[in-house]
PDB file of N, CA and C in Angstrom:
ATOM      1  N   UNK A   1       0.858  -1.171   0.000  1.00  0.00           N
ATOM      2  CA  UNK A   1       0.000   0.000   0.000  1.00  0.00           C
ATOM      3  C   UNK A   1       0.899   1.227   0.000  1.00  0.00           C
ATOM      4  N   UNK A   2       0.620   2.140  -0.889  1.00  0.00           N
ATOM      5  CA  UNK A   2       1.408   3.354  -0.993  1.00  0.00           C
ATOM      6  C   UNK A   2       0.985   4.391   0.032  1.00  0.00           C
ATOM      7  N   UNK A   3       1.854   5.346   0.252  1.00  0.00           N
ATOM      8  CA  UNK A   3       1.577   6.380   1.244  1.00  0.00           C
ATOM      9  C   UNK A   3       0.433   7.294   0.830  1.00  0.00           C
ATOM     10  N   UNK A   4       0.151   7.381  -0.464  1.00  0.00           N
ATOM     11  CA  UNK A   4      -0.909   8.268  -0.930  1.00  0.00           C
ATOM     12  C   UNK A   4      -2.303   7.633  -0.880  1.00  0.00           C
ATOM     13  N   UNK A   5      -2.368   6.338  -0.588  1.00  0.00           N
ATOM     14  CA  UNK A   5      -3.660   5.655  -0.525  1.00  0.00           C
ATOM     15  C   UNK A   5      -4.308   5.857   0.842  1.00  0.00           C
ATOM     16  N   UNK A   6      -5.602   6.121   0.839  1.00  0.00           N
ATOM     17  CA  UNK A   6      -6.364   6.236   2.076  1.00  0.00           C
ATOM     18  C   UNK A   6      -7.336   5.083   2.149  1.00  0.00           C
ATOM     19  N   UNK A   7      -7.201   4.264   3.163  1.00  0.00           N
ATOM     20  CA  UNK A   7      -8.079   3.119   3.353  1.00  0.00           C
ATOM     21  C   UNK A   7      -8.658   3.191   4.753  1.00  0.00           C
ATOM     22  N   UNK A   8      -9.950   3.041   4.852  1.00  0.00           N
ATOM     23  CA  UNK A   8     -10.613   3.041   6.161  1.00  0.00           C
ATOM     24  C   UNK A   8     -10.923   1.596   6.552  1.00  0.00           C
ATOM     25  N   UNK A   9     -10.685   1.276   7.804  1.00  0.00           N
ATOM     26  CA  UNK A   9     -10.991  -0.046   8.344  1.00  0.00           C
ATOM     27  C   UNK A   9     -11.992   0.120   9.478  1.00  0.00           C
ATOM     28  N   UNK A  10     -12.877  -0.852   9.602  1.00  0.00           N
ATOM     29  CA  UNK A  10     -13.838  -0.852  10.698  1.00  0.00           C
ATOM     30  C   UNK A  10     -13.191  -1.334  11.990  1.00  0.00           C
ATOM     31  N   UNK A  11     -12.261  -2.278  11.869  1.00  0.00           N
ATOM     32  CA  UNK A  11     -11.595  -2.875  13.032  1.00  0.00           C
ATOM     33  C   UNK A  11     -10.101  -2.926  12.749  1.00  0.00           C
ATOM     34  N   UNK A  12      -9.303  -2.496  13.718  1.00  0.00           N
ATOM     35  CA  UNK A  12      -7.847  -2.635  13.639  1.00  0.00           C
ATOM     36  C   UNK A  12      -7.414  -3.466  14.843  1.00  0.00           C
ATOM     37  N   UNK A  13      -6.775  -4.598  14.572  1.00  0.00           N
ATOM     38  CA  UNK A  13      -6.306  -5.499  15.631  1.00  0.00           C
ATOM     39  C   UNK A  13      -4.805  -5.296  15.761  1.00  0.00           C
ATOM     40  N   UNK A  14      -4.346  -5.005  16.968  1.00  0.00           N
ATOM     41  CA  UNK A  14      -2.922  -4.817  17.230  1.00  0.00           C
ATOM     42  C   UNK A  14      -2.372  -6.120  17.794  1.00  0.00           C
ATOM     43  N   UNK A  15      -1.496  -6.754  17.042  1.00  0.00           N
ATOM     44  CA  UNK A  15      -0.874  -8.006  17.473  1.00  0.00           C
ATOM     45  C   UNK A  15      -1.329  -9.175  16.624  1.00  0.00           C
ATOM     46  N   UNK A  16      -0.369  -9.926  16.105  1.00  0.00           N
ATOM     47  CA  UNK A  16      -0.672 -11.052  15.232  1.00  0.00           C
ATOM     48  C   UNK A  16      -0.481 -12.406  15.892  1.00  0.00           C
ATOM     49  N   UNK A  17      -0.570 -12.432  17.212  1.00  0.00           N
ATOM     50  CA  UNK A  17      -0.480 -13.707  17.918  1.00  0.00           C
ATOM     51  C   UNK A  17      -1.790 -14.467  17.811  1.00  0.00           C
ATOM     52  N   UNK A  18      -1.920 -15.575  18.524  1.00  0.00           N
ATOM     53  CA  UNK A  18      -3.134 -16.387  18.435  1.00  0.00           C
ATOM     54  C   UNK A  18      -4.416 -15.621  18.764  1.00  0.00           C
ATOM     55  N   UNK A  19      -4.402 -14.798  19.804  1.00  0.00           N
ATOM     56  CA  UNK A  19      -5.609 -14.054  20.180  1.00  0.00           C
ATOM     57  C   UNK A  19      -5.939 -12.977  19.147  1.00  0.00           C
ATOM     58  N   UNK A  20      -4.922 -12.254  18.675  1.00  0.00           N
ATOM     59  CA  UNK A  20      -5.150 -11.219  17.680  1.00  0.00           C
ATOM     60  C   UNK A  20      -5.656 -11.787  16.366  1.00  0.00           C
ATOM     61  N   UNK A  21      -5.066 -12.882  15.933  1.00  0.00           N
ATOM     62  CA  UNK A  21      -5.505 -13.502  14.677  1.00  0.00           C
ATOM     63  C   UNK A  21      -6.907 -14.070  14.807  1.00  0.00           C
ATOM     64  N   UNK A  22      -7.217 -14.680  15.931  1.00  0.00           N
ATOM     65  CA  UNK A  22      -8.577 -15.199  16.138  1.00  0.00           C
ATOM     66  C   UNK A  22      -9.593 -14.069  16.120  1.00  0.00           C
ATOM     67  N   UNK A  23      -9.265 -12.974  16.778  1.00  0.00           N
ATOM     68  CA  UNK A  23     -10.145 -11.807  16.785  1.00  0.00           C
ATOM     69  C   UNK A  23     -10.362 -11.292  15.369  1.00  0.00           C
ATOM     70  N   UNK A  24      -9.288 -11.187  14.604  1.00  0.00           N
ATOM     71  CA  UNK A  24      -9.386 -10.683  13.235  1.00  0.00           C
ATOM     72  C   UNK A  24     -10.221 -11.608  12.355  1.00  0.00           C
ATOM     73  N   UNK A  25     -10.027 -12.905  12.491  1.00  0.00           N
ATOM     74  CA  UNK A  25     -10.790 -13.863  11.683  1.00  0.00           C
ATOM     75  C   UNK A  25     -12.275 -13.754  11.995  1.00  0.00           C
ATOM     76  N   UNK A  26     -12.625 -13.722  13.260  1.00  0.00           N
ATOM     77  CA  UNK A  26     -14.039 -13.660  13.618  1.00  0.00           C
ATOM     78  C   UNK A  26     -14.685 -12.338  13.242  1.00  0.00           C
ATOM     79  N   UNK A  27     -13.980 -11.222  13.410  1.00  0.00           N
ATOM     80  CA  UNK A  27     -14.591  -9.949  13.022  1.00  0.00           C
ATOM     81  C   UNK A  27     -14.721  -9.847  11.506  1.00  0.00           C
ATOM     82  N   UNK A  28     -13.713 -10.277  10.775  1.00  0.00           N
ATOM     83  CA  UNK A  28     -13.783 -10.231   9.306  1.00  0.00           C
ATOM     84  C   UNK A  28     -14.864 -11.160   8.770  1.00  0.00           C
ATOM     85  N   UNK A  29     -15.060 -12.287   9.422  1.00  0.00           N
ATOM     86  CA  UNK A  29     -16.079 -13.255   9.002  1.00  0.00           C
ATOM     87  C   UNK A  29     -17.475 -12.608   8.994  1.00  0.00           C
ATOM     88  N   UNK A  30     -17.713 -11.722   9.949  1.00  0.00           N
ATOM     89  CA  UNK A  30     -19.031 -11.095  10.065  1.00  0.00           C
ATOM     90  C   UNK A  30     -19.147  -9.795   9.284  1.00  0.00           C
ATOM     91  N   UNK A  31     -18.145  -9.449   8.489  1.00  0.00           N
ATOM     92  CA  UNK A  31     -18.296  -8.349   7.557  1.00  0.00           C
ATOM     93  C   UNK A  31     -17.435  -7.120   7.702  1.00  0.00           C
ATOM     94  N   UNK A  32     -17.026  -6.708   8.907  1.00  0.00           N
ATOM     95  CA  UNK A  32     -16.241  -5.475   8.988  1.00  0.00           C
ATOM     96  C   UNK A  32     -14.888  -5.614   8.280  1.00  0.00           C
ATOM     97  N   UNK A  33     -14.441  -4.532   7.643  1.00  0.00           N
ATOM     98  CA  UNK A  33     -13.102  -4.513   7.064  1.00  0.00           C
ATOM     99  C   UNK A  33     -12.106  -4.510   8.214  1.00  0.00           C
ATOM    100  N   UNK A  34     -11.213  -5.504   8.219  1.00  0.00           N
ATOM    101  CA  UNK A  34     -10.336  -5.738   9.365  1.00  0.00           C
ATOM    102  C   UNK A  34      -8.877  -5.681   8.945  1.00  0.00           C
ATOM    103  N   UNK A  35      -8.073  -4.999   9.736  1.00  0.00           N
ATOM    104  CA  UNK A  35      -6.636  -4.892   9.515  1.00  0.00           C
ATOM    105  C   UNK A  35      -5.921  -5.437  10.740  1.00  0.00           C
ATOM    106  N   UNK A  36      -4.889  -6.267  10.517  1.00  0.00           N
ATOM    107  CA  UNK A  36      -4.056  -6.777  11.613  1.00  0.00           C
ATOM    108  C   UNK A  36      -2.686  -6.126  11.503  1.00  0.00           C
ATOM    109  N   UNK A  37      -2.230  -5.519  12.588  1.00  0.00           N
ATOM    110  CA  UNK A  37      -0.904  -4.918  12.649  1.00  0.00           C
ATOM    111  C   UNK A  37      -0.044  -5.712  13.626  1.00  0.00           C
ATOM    112  N   UNK A  38       1.158  -6.064  13.187  1.00  0.00           N
ATOM    113  CA  UNK A  38       2.084  -6.795  14.036  1.00  0.00           C
ATOM    114  C   UNK A  38       3.487  -6.340  13.697  1.00  0.00           C
ATOM    115  N   UNK A  39       4.366  -6.327  14.661  1.00  0.00           N
ATOM    116  CA  UNK A  39       5.724  -5.839  14.393  1.00  0.00           C
ATOM    117  C   UNK A  39       6.565  -6.857  13.630  1.00  0.00           C
ATOM    118  N   UNK A  40       6.189  -8.110  13.647  1.00  0.00           N
ATOM    119  CA  UNK A  40       6.914  -9.141  12.908  1.00  0.00           C
ATOM    120  C   UNK A  40       6.381  -9.285  11.493  1.00  0.00           C
ATOM    121  N   UNK A  41       6.962 -10.204  10.744  1.00  0.00           N
ATOM    122  CA  UNK A  41       6.492 -10.411   9.387  1.00  0.00           C
ATOM    123  C   UNK A  41       5.697 -11.701   9.219  1.00  0.00           C
ATOM    124  N   UNK A  42       5.482 -12.442  10.298  1.00  0.00           N
ATOM    125  CA  UNK A  42       4.685 -13.672  10.250  1.00  0.00           C
ATOM    126  C   UNK A  42       3.588 -13.600  11.297  1.00  0.00           C
ATOM    127  N   UNK A  43       2.383 -13.969  10.902  1.00  0.00           N
ATOM    128  CA  UNK A  43       1.295 -14.044  11.871  1.00  0.00           C
ATOM    129  C   UNK A  43       1.318 -15.406  12.533  1.00  0.00           C
ATOM    130  N   UNK A  44       0.508 -15.568  13.545  1.00  0.00           N
ATOM    131  CA  UNK A  44       0.449 -16.816  14.290  1.00  0.00           C
ATOM    132  C   UNK A  44       0.206 -18.003  13.363  1.00  0.00           C
ATOM    133  N   UNK A  45       0.927 -19.067  13.575  1.00  0.00           N
ATOM    134  CA  UNK A  45       0.756 -20.264  12.742  1.00  0.00           C
ATOM    135  C   UNK A  45      -0.483 -21.057  13.134  1.00  0.00           C
ATOM    136  N   UNK A  46      -1.148 -20.673  14.231  1.00  0.00           N
ATOM    137  CA  UNK A  46      -2.336 -21.415  14.664  1.00  0.00           C
ATOM    138  C   UNK A  46      -3.592 -20.997  13.902  1.00  0.00           C
ATOM    139  N   UNK A  47      -3.504 -19.929  13.125  1.00  0.00           N
ATOM    140  CA  UNK A  47      -4.649 -19.446  12.364  1.00  0.00           C
ATOM    141  C   UNK A  47      -4.287 -19.468  10.887  1.00  0.00           C
ATOM    142  N   UNK A  48      -5.085 -20.150  10.106  1.00  0.00           N
ATOM    143  CA  UNK A  48      -4.855 -20.232   8.661  1.00  0.00           C
ATOM    144  C   UNK A  48      -6.020 -19.581   7.934  1.00  0.00           C
ATOM    145  N   UNK A  49      -5.783 -18.488   7.212  1.00  0.00           N
ATOM    146  CA  UNK A  49      -6.889 -17.840   6.499  1.00  0.00           C
ATOM    147  C   UNK A  49      -7.389 -18.707   5.346  1.00  0.00           C
ATOM    148  N   UNK A  50      -8.688 -18.692   5.140  1.00  0.00           N
ATOM    149  CA  UNK A  50      -9.258 -19.465   4.033  1.00  0.00           C
ATOM    150  C   UNK A  50      -9.370 -18.633   2.781  1.00  0.00           C
ATOM    151  N   UNK A  51      -9.273 -17.318   2.930  1.00  0.00           N
ATOM    152  CA  UNK A  51      -9.306 -16.427   1.773  1.00  0.00           C
ATOM    153  C   UNK A  51      -8.424 -15.220   2.050  1.00  0.00           C
ATOM    154  N   UNK A  52      -7.884 -14.652   0.994  1.00  0.00           N
ATOM    155  CA  UNK A  52      -7.040 -13.474   1.130  1.00  0.00           C
ATOM    156  C   UNK A  52      -7.548 -12.388   0.209  1.00  0.00           C
ATOM    157  N   UNK A  53      -7.190 -11.170   0.517  1.00  0.00           N
ATOM    158  CA  UNK A  53      -7.636 -10.033  -0.294  1.00  0.00           C
ATOM    159  C   UNK A  53      -6.782  -9.897  -1.526  1.00  0.00           C
TER     160      UNK A  53
END
């Protein structure tokens, strides 16, 4: 995503561990646009997305 793009999210989850990823999966499942922010480059291995954007 470039710096000039403006994207609004309904939910922002801070942390890509098991709890953060579970929260993101469940909120995204019910419709809100969801963003996960984590300082690392890998999210929790316990959550596997079934679809990607």
